[in-house]
Amino acid sequence: MTKSERHNWIDSIENSAAVVSSKLGSAVVDSVFRRFGVNCVEDASDSILPDIFSEMYAYEADLK
């Protein structure tokens, strides 16, 4: 994964996390990160960024 790709994944996760946090609370966002063994998105390895995004976006999509 290039630095640009990683940056794009992190931006996407942070955007979804902001929506989820505003509607459901930060505890939900924190629980997603904990399930992947990280404290924040920056701690995540490249290989799990797509999985974190998928789960975070699923929460966001359920809000629509």
Protein backbone atom coordinates (compact mmCIF):
# COMPACT_ATOMS: atom_id res chain seq x y z
CA MET A 1 0.00 0.00 0.00
CA THR A 2 1.37 3.39 -0.93
CA LYS A 3 1.44 6.31 1.48
CA SER A 4 -1.29 7.97 -0.56
CA GLU A 5 -3.52 4.89 -0.37
CA ARG A 6 -2.98 4.63 3.38
CA HIS A 7 -3.82 8.31 3.76
CA ASN A 8 -7.03 7.83 1.75
CA TRP A 9 -8.09 4.85 3.91
CA ILE A 10 -7.40 6.79 7.08
CA ASP A 11 -9.36 9.80 5.82
CA SER A 12 -12.31 7.59 4.88
CA ILE A 13 -12.29 5.88 8.26
CA GLU A 14 -12.04 9.18 10.11
CA ASN A 15 -14.94 10.64 8.11
CA SER A 16 -17.16 7.63 8.84
CA ALA A 17 -16.04 7.61 12.46
CA ALA A 18 -17.04 11.26 12.83
CA VAL A 19 -20.55 10.53 11.58
CA VAL A 20 -20.90 7.44 13.75
CA SER A 21 -19.57 9.25 16.79
CA SER A 22 -21.93 12.19 16.33
CA LYS A 23 -24.99 9.94 16.05
CA LEU A 24 -24.12 6.96 18.25
CA GLY A 25 -21.31 8.18 20.48
CA SER A 26 -17.59 7.73 20.61
CA ALA A 27 -17.92 4.42 22.48
CA VAL A 28 -19.13 2.78 19.26
CA VAL A 29 -16.12 4.07 17.33
CA ASP A 30 -13.79 2.96 20.11
CA SER A 31 -15.34 -0.51 20.11
CA VAL A 32 -14.64 -0.90 16.39
CA PHE A 33 -11.01 0.01 16.92
CA ARG A 34 -10.73 -2.35 19.92
CA ARG A 35 -12.09 -5.25 17.86
CA PHE A 36 -9.15 -4.75 15.53
CA GLY A 37 -6.67 -4.39 18.39
CA VAL A 38 -5.89 -0.69 17.90
CA ASN A 39 -6.56 2.45 19.91
CA CYS A 40 -6.92 4.71 16.89
CA VAL A 41 -6.82 4.43 13.12
CA GLU A 42 -3.21 5.59 12.92
CA ASP A 43 -2.17 2.52 14.94
CA ALA A 44 -3.70 0.15 12.37
CA SER A 45 -1.59 -1.83 9.98
CA ASP A 46 -2.16 -1.39 6.27
CA SER A 47 -3.70 -4.83 5.99
CA ILE A 48 -6.60 -4.10 8.36
CA LEU A 49 -7.50 -0.59 7.21
CA PRO A 50 -10.04 -1.85 4.63
CA ASP A 51 -11.67 -4.05 7.29
CA ILE A 52 -11.91 -1.20 9.77
CA PHE A 53 -13.44 1.00 7.09
CA SER A 54 -15.96 -1.68 6.14
CA GLU A 55 -17.17 -2.06 9.69
CA MET A 56 -17.22 1.67 10.39
CA TYR A 57 -19.06 2.38 7.14
CA ALA A 58 -21.62 -0.33 7.95
CA TYR A 59 -22.54 1.61 11.10
CA GLU A 60 -22.71 4.82 9.08
CA ALA A 61 -24.88 3.26 6.37
CA ASP A 62 -27.33 1.98 8.99
CA LEU A 63 -27.85 5.58 10.09
CA LYS A 64 -29.12 6.66 6.68
